[in-house]
Amino acid sequence: MAFNVTEVLEIPIGVGDITVERILYFAVILMVGVIIAKVVATNVRRVLAERLPKNERELLTKLVYYIIVVWAFVVALPQLNFDLSGLLVAGGIAGLVIGFASQSVVSNLISGLFLMFEHPIRIGDNINVADVSGSVEDVRVLSTVIKTYDGIYIRIPNEKVFTSNITNYVHNAARRFTYEICIRYQDDADAAIRIAKGVIETHPFALKSPAPSVFVDNLGDDGVNLTAYIWAPARNWWDVRTDLLWKIKQALEENGIEMPFPQRTVWFADGPEAKGGSAEKNE
């Protein structure tokens, strides 16, 4: 007796008109879905290895894995003659309810994914976002944690971070700062500029490219106003800014150049004549 594979595959199993062939198709589709899910999850884990903490990375990887497996299961169900219309209606209604209830959660999740892939901020960056300034402590799936310069931790939803203007103070390798230096009118402005440049050039963290610039900006009421533009590494910007200012002041004073005190010139009329004229006019 010859063995006929087609006849075997068409044997009903006693549940409706489900055959062995349909069960095999169902199993193959589900198996392919599981394999695809494992491959995608592995690649997601690899891509996010340096972008997310381990716990959140594993959570997102499992979420992707199970979404693909469920999708494969739904695709395979028609092989068992399962009517998906009722399931789709119930799923649609449940999806609407869940969608309205978790609208902000989903929005924060999507915004968090965009932040992770776009990288406008990284952990350790000094930023200003949503009127909050500080250092980025963590970028989570739903929120971003910022430590302010006063040592206060603030959690900001990712949707607000993503839709706000983000000022990243250290994204560029170099950052410029400005000094306004006022000297007396009797002091030599050229000498003051030369001294200031000399102090800046000797500082180990004051960049030579872009080069610093010191020049006479305007003539003020109390003295000559100099402006200095100085570039420093973004990570050392604050230390360089506070250190150089005092050193420039000391160098100027050592060379006899001082900062002027606020002053006003008051003119008085010649007393007797002015008073006499005023008296005659009053008469």
C-alpha atoms as a PDB file:
ATOM      1  CA  MET A   1       0.000   0.000   0.000  1.00  0.00           C
ATOM      2  CA  ALA A   2       1.511   3.325  -1.150  1.00  0.00           C
ATOM      3  CA  PHE A   3       1.895   6.138   1.371  1.00  0.00           C
ATOM      4  CA  ASN A   4       0.077   9.296   0.183  1.00  0.00           C
ATOM      5  CA  VAL A   5       1.235  12.446   1.950  1.00  0.00           C
ATOM      6  CA  THR A   6      -1.625  14.529   0.555  1.00  0.00           C
ATOM      7  CA  GLU A   7      -4.215  12.202   2.032  1.00  0.00           C
ATOM      8  CA  VAL A   8      -2.498  12.325   5.405  1.00  0.00           C
ATOM      9  CA  LEU A   9      -2.411  16.111   5.404  1.00  0.00           C
ATOM     10  CA  GLU A  10      -6.110  16.280   4.548  1.00  0.00           C
ATOM     11  CA  ILE A  11      -7.139  14.029   7.436  1.00  0.00           C
ATOM     12  CA  PRO A  12      -9.531  15.955   9.738  1.00  0.00           C
ATOM     13  CA  ILE A  13      -8.614  16.020  13.400  1.00  0.00           C
ATOM     14  CA  GLY A  14     -12.195  16.064  14.625  1.00  0.00           C
ATOM     15  CA  VAL A  15     -12.483  19.795  15.357  1.00  0.00           C
ATOM     16  CA  GLY A  16     -14.601  21.369  12.641  1.00  0.00           C
ATOM     17  CA  ASP A  17     -12.928  21.049   9.248  1.00  0.00           C
ATOM     18  CA  ILE A  18      -9.413  21.622  10.607  1.00  0.00           C
ATOM     19  CA  THR A  19      -6.923  19.303   8.976  1.00  0.00           C
ATOM     20  CA  VAL A  20      -3.365  18.274   9.718  1.00  0.00           C
ATOM     21  CA  GLU A  21      -2.208  20.488   6.858  1.00  0.00           C
ATOM     22  CA  ARG A  22      -3.785  23.567   8.417  1.00  0.00           C
ATOM     23  CA  ILE A  23      -2.211  22.789  11.785  1.00  0.00           C
ATOM     24  CA  LEU A  24       1.212  22.508  10.091  1.00  0.00           C
ATOM     25  CA  TYR A  25       0.690  25.832   8.301  1.00  0.00           C
ATOM     26  CA  PHE A  26      -0.301  27.420  11.616  1.00  0.00           C
ATOM     27  CA  ALA A  27       2.790  26.020  13.338  1.00  0.00           C
ATOM     28  CA  VAL A  28       5.126  27.096  10.509  1.00  0.00           C
ATOM     29  CA  ILE A  29       3.775  30.674  10.463  1.00  0.00           C
ATOM     30  CA  LEU A  30       4.036  30.915  14.237  1.00  0.00           C
ATOM     31  CA  MET A  31       7.560  29.491  14.205  1.00  0.00           C
ATOM     32  CA  VAL A  32       8.686  31.934  11.501  1.00  0.00           C
ATOM     33  CA  GLY A  33       7.167  34.771  13.536  1.00  0.00           C
ATOM     34  CA  VAL A  34       9.085  33.667  16.653  1.00  0.00           C
ATOM     35  CA  ILE A  35      12.351  33.496  14.681  1.00  0.00           C
ATOM     36  CA  ILE A  36      11.780  36.974  13.225  1.00  0.00           C
ATOM     37  CA  ALA A  37      10.928  38.271  16.709  1.00  0.00           C
ATOM     38  CA  LYS A  38      14.172  36.873  18.133  1.00  0.00           C
ATOM     39  CA  VAL A  39      16.266  38.376  15.321  1.00  0.00           C
ATOM     40  CA  VAL A  40      14.622  41.808  15.629  1.00  0.00           C
ATOM     41  CA  ALA A  41      14.858  41.773  19.441  1.00  0.00           C
ATOM     42  CA  THR A  42      18.558  40.887  19.272  1.00  0.00           C
ATOM     43  CA  ASN A  43      19.248  43.766  16.890  1.00  0.00           C
ATOM     44  CA  VAL A  44      17.221  46.178  19.028  1.00  0.00           C
ATOM     45  CA  ARG A  45      19.223  45.125  22.088  1.00  0.00           C
ATOM     46  CA  ARG A  46      22.484  45.660  20.199  1.00  0.00           C
ATOM     47  CA  VAL A  47      21.473  49.093  18.857  1.00  0.00           C
ATOM     48  CA  LEU A  48      20.340  50.314  22.279  1.00  0.00           C
ATOM     49  CA  ALA A  49      23.307  48.831  24.170  1.00  0.00           C
ATOM     50  CA  GLU A  50      24.948  52.238  24.723  1.00  0.00           C
ATOM     51  CA  ARG A  51      21.825  54.375  24.600  1.00  0.00           C
ATOM     52  CA  LEU A  52      19.679  52.972  27.405  1.00  0.00           C
ATOM     53  CA  PRO A  53      20.213  51.524  30.885  1.00  0.00           C
ATOM     54  CA  LYS A  54      20.045  47.723  30.988  1.00  0.00           C
ATOM     55  CA  ASN A  55      16.615  47.470  32.666  1.00  0.00           C
ATOM     56  CA  GLU A  56      14.897  49.788  30.206  1.00  0.00           C
ATOM     57  CA  ARG A  57      16.742  48.231  27.265  1.00  0.00           C
ATOM     58  CA  GLU A  58      15.523  44.747  28.206  1.00  0.00           C
ATOM     59  CA  LEU A  59      11.975  46.028  28.747  1.00  0.00           C
ATOM     60  CA  LEU A  60      11.871  47.605  25.296  1.00  0.00           C
ATOM     61  CA  THR A  61      13.411  44.491  23.715  1.00  0.00           C
ATOM     62  CA  LYS A  62      10.762  42.234  25.270  1.00  0.00           C
ATOM     63  CA  LEU A  63       8.027  44.616  24.148  1.00  0.00           C
ATOM     64  CA  VAL A  64       9.227  44.418  20.531  1.00  0.00           C
ATOM     65  CA  TYR A  65       9.573  40.618  20.775  1.00  0.00           C
ATOM     66  CA  TYR A  66       6.042  40.001  22.045  1.00  0.00           C
ATOM     67  CA  ILE A  67       4.464  42.454  19.588  1.00  0.00           C
ATOM     68  CA  ILE A  68       5.935  40.460  16.677  1.00  0.00           C
ATOM     69  CA  VAL A  69       4.928  37.110  18.221  1.00  0.00           C
ATOM     70  CA  VAL A  70       1.346  38.306  18.752  1.00  0.00           C
ATOM     71  CA  TRP A  71       1.267  39.612  15.188  1.00  0.00           C
ATOM     72  CA  ALA A  72       2.432  36.204  13.878  1.00  0.00           C
ATOM     73  CA  PHE A  73      -0.204  34.452  16.003  1.00  0.00           C
ATOM     74  CA  VAL A  74      -2.968  36.649  14.592  1.00  0.00           C
ATOM     75  CA  VAL A  75      -1.721  36.025  11.034  1.00  0.00           C
ATOM     76  CA  ALA A  76      -1.673  32.257  11.658  1.00  0.00           C
ATOM     77  CA  LEU A  77      -5.130  32.015  13.271  1.00  0.00           C
ATOM     78  CA  PRO A  78      -7.097  31.877   9.965  1.00  0.00           C
ATOM     79  CA  GLN A  79      -5.380  28.529   9.264  1.00  0.00           C
ATOM     80  CA  LEU A  80      -7.496  27.109  12.096  1.00  0.00           C
ATOM     81  CA  ASN A  81     -10.668  28.594  10.566  1.00  0.00           C
ATOM     82  CA  PHE A  82     -10.884  31.033  13.436  1.00  0.00           C
ATOM     83  CA  ASP A  83     -13.187  33.963  12.719  1.00  0.00           C
ATOM     84  CA  LEU A  84     -11.233  37.120  13.507  1.00  0.00           C
ATOM     85  CA  SER A  85     -14.130  39.529  12.938  1.00  0.00           C
ATOM     86  CA  GLY A  86     -15.400  39.340  16.520  1.00  0.00           C
ATOM     87  CA  LEU A  87     -11.884  39.519  17.874  1.00  0.00           C
ATOM     88  CA  LEU A  88     -11.107  42.539  15.721  1.00  0.00           C
ATOM     89  CA  VAL A  89     -14.247  44.357  16.869  1.00  0.00           C
ATOM     90  CA  ALA A  90     -13.529  43.627  20.531  1.00  0.00           C
ATOM     91  CA  GLY A  91      -9.866  44.508  20.037  1.00  0.00           C
ATOM     92  CA  GLY A  92     -10.806  47.758  18.312  1.00  0.00           C
ATOM     93  CA  ILE A  93     -13.079  48.824  21.138  1.00  0.00           C
ATOM     94  CA  ALA A  94     -10.519  47.858  23.752  1.00  0.00           C
ATOM     95  CA  GLY A  95      -7.829  49.668  21.778  1.00  0.00           C
ATOM     96  CA  LEU A  96      -9.881  52.871  21.727  1.00  0.00           C
ATOM     97  CA  VAL A  97     -10.509  52.716  25.464  1.00  0.00           C
ATOM     98  CA  ILE A  98      -6.876  51.967  26.255  1.00  0.00           C
ATOM     99  CA  GLY A  99      -5.714  54.600  23.765  1.00  0.00           C
ATOM    100  CA  PHE A 100      -7.734  57.370  25.387  1.00  0.00           C
ATOM    101  CA  ALA A 101      -6.719  56.246  28.869  1.00  0.00           C
ATOM    102  CA  SER A 102      -3.004  56.041  28.083  1.00  0.00           C
ATOM    103  CA  GLN A 103      -2.686  58.867  25.561  1.00  0.00           C
ATOM    104  CA  SER A 104      -0.032  60.703  27.563  1.00  0.00           C
ATOM    105  CA  VAL A 105       1.864  57.469  28.275  1.00  0.00           C
ATOM    106  CA  VAL A 106       2.022  56.563  24.595  1.00  0.00           C
ATOM    107  CA  SER A 107       3.007  60.119  23.678  1.00  0.00           C
ATOM    108  CA  ASN A 108       5.829  60.070  26.242  1.00  0.00           C
ATOM    109  CA  LEU A 109       6.952  56.642  25.031  1.00  0.00           C
ATOM    110  CA  ILE A 110       7.140  57.725  21.387  1.00  0.00           C
ATOM    111  CA  SER A 111       8.869  60.974  22.340  1.00  0.00           C
ATOM    112  CA  GLY A 112      11.361  58.986  24.408  1.00  0.00           C
ATOM    113  CA  LEU A 113      12.180  56.762  21.428  1.00  0.00           C
ATOM    114  CA  PHE A 114      12.741  59.829  19.241  1.00  0.00           C
ATOM    115  CA  LEU A 115      15.023  61.331  21.895  1.00  0.00           C
ATOM    116  CA  MET A 116      17.033  58.105  22.076  1.00  0.00           C
ATOM    117  CA  PHE A 117      17.584  57.931  18.334  1.00  0.00           C
ATOM    118  CA  GLU A 118      17.956  61.653  17.590  1.00  0.00           C
ATOM    119  CA  HIS A 119      20.314  62.283  20.539  1.00  0.00           C
ATOM    120  CA  PRO A 120      19.684  66.014  21.143  1.00  0.00           C
ATOM    121  CA  ILE A 121      20.778  65.354  24.731  1.00  0.00           C
ATOM    122  CA  ARG A 122      22.983  62.771  26.420  1.00  0.00           C
ATOM    123  CA  ILE A 123      23.597  61.779  30.011  1.00  0.00           C
ATOM    124  CA  GLY A 124      25.966  64.323  31.578  1.00  0.00           C
ATOM    125  CA  ASP A 125      25.057  67.187  29.211  1.00  0.00           C
ATOM    126  CA  ASN A 126      24.377  70.630  30.681  1.00  0.00           C
ATOM    127  CA  ILE A 127      21.106  71.787  29.173  1.00  0.00           C
ATOM    128  CA  ASN A 128      18.162  74.129  29.510  1.00  0.00           C
ATOM    129  CA  VAL A 129      14.762  72.691  28.621  1.00  0.00           C
ATOM    130  CA  ALA A 130      11.253  73.714  29.666  1.00  0.00           C
ATOM    131  CA  ASP A 131      12.757  76.493  31.836  1.00  0.00           C
ATOM    132  CA  VAL A 132      14.844  73.931  33.756  1.00  0.00           C
ATOM    133  CA  SER A 133      18.646  74.188  33.715  1.00  0.00           C
ATOM    134  CA  GLY A 134      20.978  71.483  34.906  1.00  0.00           C
ATOM    135  CA  SER A 135      22.794  68.268  34.074  1.00  0.00           C
ATOM    136  CA  VAL A 136      21.062  65.302  32.416  1.00  0.00           C
ATOM    137  CA  GLU A 137      21.092  62.409  34.894  1.00  0.00           C
ATOM    138  CA  ASP A 138      19.030  59.895  32.926  1.00  0.00           C
ATOM    139  CA  VAL A 139      16.966  59.595  29.732  1.00  0.00           C
ATOM    140  CA  ARG A 140      14.263  57.023  30.409  1.00  0.00           C
ATOM    141  CA  VAL A 141      11.560  55.566  28.202  1.00  0.00           C
ATOM    142  CA  LEU A 142       8.862  57.882  29.572  1.00  0.00           C
ATOM    143  CA  SER A 143      10.763  60.738  31.197  1.00  0.00           C
ATOM    144  CA  THR A 144      14.061  62.594  31.480  1.00  0.00           C
ATOM    145  CA  VAL A 145      15.703  63.292  34.844  1.00  0.00           C
ATOM    146  CA  ILE A 146      17.660  66.537  35.259  1.00  0.00           C
ATOM    147  CA  LYS A 147      19.796  67.529  38.219  1.00  0.00           C
ATOM    148  CA  THR A 148      19.711  71.308  38.624  1.00  0.00           C
ATOM    149  CA  TYR A 149      22.784  73.320  39.567  1.00  0.00           C
ATOM    150  CA  ASP A 150      21.290  73.562  43.076  1.00  0.00           C
ATOM    151  CA  GLY A 151      21.349  69.756  43.410  1.00  0.00           C
ATOM    152  CA  ILE A 152      17.592  69.270  42.899  1.00  0.00           C
ATOM    153  CA  TYR A 153      16.360  66.360  40.770  1.00  0.00           C
ATOM    154  CA  ILE A 154      13.520  67.158  38.359  1.00  0.00           C
ATOM    155  CA  ARG A 155      11.621  64.617  36.248  1.00  0.00           C
ATOM    156  CA  ILE A 156      10.281  65.998  32.959  1.00  0.00           C
ATOM    157  CA  PRO A 157       7.932  63.956  30.721  1.00  0.00           C
ATOM    158  CA  ASN A 158       9.598  63.102  27.416  1.00  0.00           C
ATOM    159  CA  GLU A 159       6.779  64.677  25.420  1.00  0.00           C
ATOM    160  CA  LYS A 160       7.538  68.049  27.024  1.00  0.00           C
ATOM    161  CA  VAL A 161      11.271  67.605  26.443  1.00  0.00           C
ATOM    162  CA  PHE A 162      10.805  66.648  22.791  1.00  0.00           C
ATOM    163  CA  THR A 163       8.419  69.505  21.978  1.00  0.00           C
ATOM    164  CA  SER A 164      10.404  72.198  23.848  1.00  0.00           C
ATOM    165  CA  ASN A 165      13.371  74.230  22.696  1.00  0.00           C
ATOM    166  CA  ILE A 166      16.459  72.449  24.004  1.00  0.00           C
ATOM    167  CA  THR A 167      19.597  74.460  24.747  1.00  0.00           C
ATOM    168  CA  ASN A 168      22.566  72.103  24.997  1.00  0.00           C
ATOM    169  CA  TYR A 169      25.572  73.953  26.390  1.00  0.00           C
ATOM    170  CA  VAL A 170      28.091  71.168  25.766  1.00  0.00           C
ATOM    171  CA  HIS A 171      26.933  69.651  22.478  1.00  0.00           C
ATOM    172  CA  ASN A 172      29.563  71.733  20.692  1.00  0.00           C
ATOM    173  CA  ALA A 173      33.135  70.977  21.758  1.00  0.00           C
ATOM    174  CA  ALA A 174      33.933  74.675  22.365  1.00  0.00           C
ATOM    175  CA  ARG A 175      31.942  77.460  24.015  1.00  0.00           C
ATOM    176  CA  ARG A 176      32.573  81.204  24.038  1.00  0.00           C
ATOM    177  CA  PHE A 177      32.252  83.616  26.926  1.00  0.00           C
ATOM    178  CA  THR A 178      32.551  87.413  27.083  1.00  0.00           C
ATOM    179  CA  TYR A 179      34.208  89.877  29.463  1.00  0.00           C
ATOM    180  CA  GLU A 180      33.378  93.574  29.693  1.00  0.00           C
ATOM    181  CA  ILE A 181      36.471  95.376  31.057  1.00  0.00           C
ATOM    182  CA  CYS A 182      36.484  99.096  31.819  1.00  0.00           C
ATOM    183  CA  ILE A 183      39.752 101.072  32.205  1.00  0.00           C
ATOM    184  CA  ARG A 184      40.429 104.745  32.986  1.00  0.00           C
ATOM    185  CA  TYR A 185      40.706 107.258  30.174  1.00  0.00           C
ATOM    186  CA  GLN A 186      44.274 108.120  31.174  1.00  0.00           C
ATOM    187  CA  ASP A 187      45.377 104.463  30.862  1.00  0.00           C
ATOM    188  CA  ASP A 188      46.869 103.032  27.671  1.00  0.00           C
ATOM    189  CA  ALA A 189      44.165 100.969  25.951  1.00  0.00           C
ATOM    190  CA  ASP A 190      46.670  99.280  23.622  1.00  0.00           C
ATOM    191  CA  ALA A 191      48.734  98.158  26.616  1.00  0.00           C
ATOM    192  CA  ALA A 192      45.601  96.877  28.371  1.00  0.00           C
ATOM    193  CA  ILE A 193      44.635  94.846  25.291  1.00  0.00           C
ATOM    194  CA  ARG A 194      48.152  93.425  25.023  1.00  0.00           C
ATOM    195  CA  ILE A 195      48.236  92.456  28.721  1.00  0.00           C
ATOM    196  CA  ALA A 196      44.795  90.813  28.598  1.00  0.00           C
ATOM    197  CA  LYS A 197      45.724  88.798  25.500  1.00  0.00           C
ATOM    198  CA  GLY A 198      48.956  87.698  27.176  1.00  0.00           C
ATOM    199  CA  VAL A 199      47.063  86.361  30.209  1.00  0.00           C
ATOM    200  CA  ILE A 200      44.539  84.562  27.998  1.00  0.00           C
ATOM    201  CA  GLU A 201      47.217  82.937  25.843  1.00  0.00           C
ATOM    202  CA  THR A 202      49.008  81.498  28.855  1.00  0.00           C
ATOM    203  CA  HIS A 203      45.902  79.794  30.238  1.00  0.00           C
ATOM    204  CA  PRO A 204      45.996  76.035  29.500  1.00  0.00           C
ATOM    205  CA  PHE A 205      42.279  75.771  28.680  1.00  0.00           C
ATOM    206  CA  ALA A 206      41.817  79.003  26.668  1.00  0.00           C
ATOM    207  CA  LEU A 207      41.571  77.832  23.063  1.00  0.00           C
ATOM    208  CA  LYS A 208      43.849  79.234  20.381  1.00  0.00           C
ATOM    209  CA  SER A 209      41.411  78.212  17.646  1.00  0.00           C
ATOM    210  CA  PRO A 210      38.979  79.932  17.575  1.00  0.00           C
ATOM    211  CA  ALA A 211      41.396  82.653  18.653  1.00  0.00           C
ATOM    212  CA  PRO A 212      40.526  85.030  21.516  1.00  0.00           C
ATOM    213  CA  SER A 213      39.712  88.635  20.680  1.00  0.00           C
ATOM    214  CA  VAL A 214      40.167  91.761  22.839  1.00  0.00           C
ATOM    215  CA  PHE A 215      39.221  95.204  21.506  1.00  0.00           C
ATOM    216  CA  VAL A 216      37.884  98.657  22.424  1.00  0.00           C
ATOM    217  CA  ASP A 217      34.129  98.339  22.258  1.00  0.00           C
ATOM    218  CA  ASN A 218      32.905 101.806  23.256  1.00  0.00           C
ATOM    219  CA  LEU A 219      33.710 104.930  25.253  1.00  0.00           C
ATOM    220  CA  GLY A 220      31.659 104.965  28.429  1.00  0.00           C
ATOM    221  CA  ASP A 221      30.799 107.653  30.951  1.00  0.00           C
ATOM    222  CA  ASP A 222      33.443 106.452  33.406  1.00  0.00           C
ATOM    223  CA  GLY A 223      36.147 105.020  31.150  1.00  0.00           C
ATOM    224  CA  VAL A 224      37.114 103.066  28.043  1.00  0.00           C
ATOM    225  CA  ASN A 225      35.156  99.819  27.706  1.00  0.00           C
ATOM    226  CA  LEU A 226      37.043  96.785  26.391  1.00  0.00           C
ATOM    227  CA  THR A 227      35.357  93.564  25.260  1.00  0.00           C
ATOM    228  CA  ALA A 228      37.078  90.175  25.334  1.00  0.00           C
ATOM    229  CA  TYR A 229      35.777  87.111  23.457  1.00  0.00           C
ATOM    230  CA  ILE A 230      37.343  83.873  24.713  1.00  0.00           C
ATOM    231  CA  TRP A 231      36.718  80.251  23.699  1.00  0.00           C
ATOM    232  CA  ALA A 232      37.137  77.293  26.046  1.00  0.00           C
ATOM    233  CA  PRO A 233      36.241  73.564  26.029  1.00  0.00           C
ATOM    234  CA  ALA A 234      32.534  73.298  26.746  1.00  0.00           C
ATOM    235  CA  ARG A 235      33.109  70.951  29.684  1.00  0.00           C
ATOM    236  CA  ASN A 236      35.595  73.385  31.308  1.00  0.00           C
ATOM    237  CA  TRP A 237      33.808  76.593  30.340  1.00  0.00           C
ATOM    238  CA  TRP A 238      32.749  77.687  33.817  1.00  0.00           C
ATOM    239  CA  ASP A 239      36.123  77.055  35.450  1.00  0.00           C
ATOM    240  CA  VAL A 240      38.002  78.947  32.728  1.00  0.00           C
ATOM    241  CA  ARG A 241      35.567  81.857  32.844  1.00  0.00           C
ATOM    242  CA  THR A 242      35.864  82.339  36.605  1.00  0.00           C
ATOM    243  CA  ASP A 243      39.648  81.816  36.660  1.00  0.00           C
ATOM    244  CA  LEU A 244      40.658  84.121  33.815  1.00  0.00           C
ATOM    245  CA  LEU A 245      38.687  87.162  34.939  1.00  0.00           C
ATOM    246  CA  TRP A 246      40.590  87.494  38.211  1.00  0.00           C
ATOM    247  CA  LYS A 247      43.953  86.880  36.532  1.00  0.00           C
ATOM    248  CA  ILE A 248      43.302  89.602  33.939  1.00  0.00           C
ATOM    249  CA  LYS A 249      42.337  92.058  36.706  1.00  0.00           C
ATOM    250  CA  GLN A 250      45.522  91.303  38.646  1.00  0.00           C
ATOM    251  CA  ALA A 251      47.729  91.622  35.550  1.00  0.00           C
ATOM    252  CA  LEU A 252      46.226  95.006  34.646  1.00  0.00           C
ATOM    253  CA  GLU A 253      46.671  96.398  38.163  1.00  0.00           C
ATOM    254  CA  GLU A 254      50.285  95.162  38.296  1.00  0.00           C
ATOM    255  CA  ASN A 255      50.941  97.290  35.206  1.00  0.00           C
ATOM    256  CA  GLY A 256      49.270 100.392  36.658  1.00  0.00           C
ATOM    257  CA  ILE A 257      45.974 100.013  34.769  1.00  0.00           C
ATOM    258  CA  GLU A 258      42.989 100.298  37.071  1.00  0.00           C
ATOM    259  CA  MET A 259      39.244 100.041  36.864  1.00  0.00           C
ATOM    260  CA  PRO A 260      37.644 103.525  37.146  1.00  0.00           C
ATOM    261  CA  PHE A 261      35.210 104.459  39.874  1.00  0.00           C
ATOM    262  CA  PRO A 262      31.851 105.874  38.762  1.00  0.00           C
ATOM    263  CA  GLN A 263      32.264 109.636  38.421  1.00  0.00           C
ATOM    264  CA  ARG A 264      30.273 112.716  37.492  1.00  0.00           C
ATOM    265  CA  THR A 265      31.441 116.232  36.609  1.00  0.00           C
ATOM    266  CA  VAL A 266      29.309 119.019  38.096  1.00  0.00           C
ATOM    267  CA  TRP A 267      29.640 122.572  36.736  1.00  0.00           C
ATOM    268  CA  PHE A 268      28.823 125.564  38.978  1.00  0.00           C
ATOM    269  CA  ALA A 269      28.161 129.048  37.636  1.00  0.00           C
ATOM    270  CA  ASP A 270      30.443 131.931  38.832  1.00  0.00           C
ATOM    271  CA  GLY A 271      28.778 132.822  42.136  1.00  0.00           C
ATOM    272  CA  PRO A 272      28.463 136.622  42.606  1.00  0.00           C
ATOM    273  CA  GLU A 273      27.800 137.570  39.010  1.00  0.00           C
ATOM    274  CA  ALA A 274      25.296 134.835  38.516  1.00  0.00           C
ATOM    275  CA  LYS A 275      23.502 135.651  41.763  1.00  0.00           C
ATOM    276  CA  GLY A 276      23.427 139.394  40.974  1.00  0.00           C
ATOM    277  CA  GLY A 277      22.050 138.848  37.523  1.00  0.00           C
ATOM    278  CA  SER A 278      19.473 136.559  38.917  1.00  0.00           C
ATOM    279  CA  ALA A 279      18.469 139.141  41.545  1.00  0.00           C
ATOM    280  CA  GLU A 280      18.116 141.935  38.968  1.00  0.00           C
ATOM    281  CA  LYS A 281      15.986 139.705  36.832  1.00  0.00           C
ATOM    282  CA  ASN A 282      13.758 138.897  39.762  1.00  0.00           C
ATOM    283  CA  GLU A 283      13.253 142.599  40.480  1.00  0.00           C
END
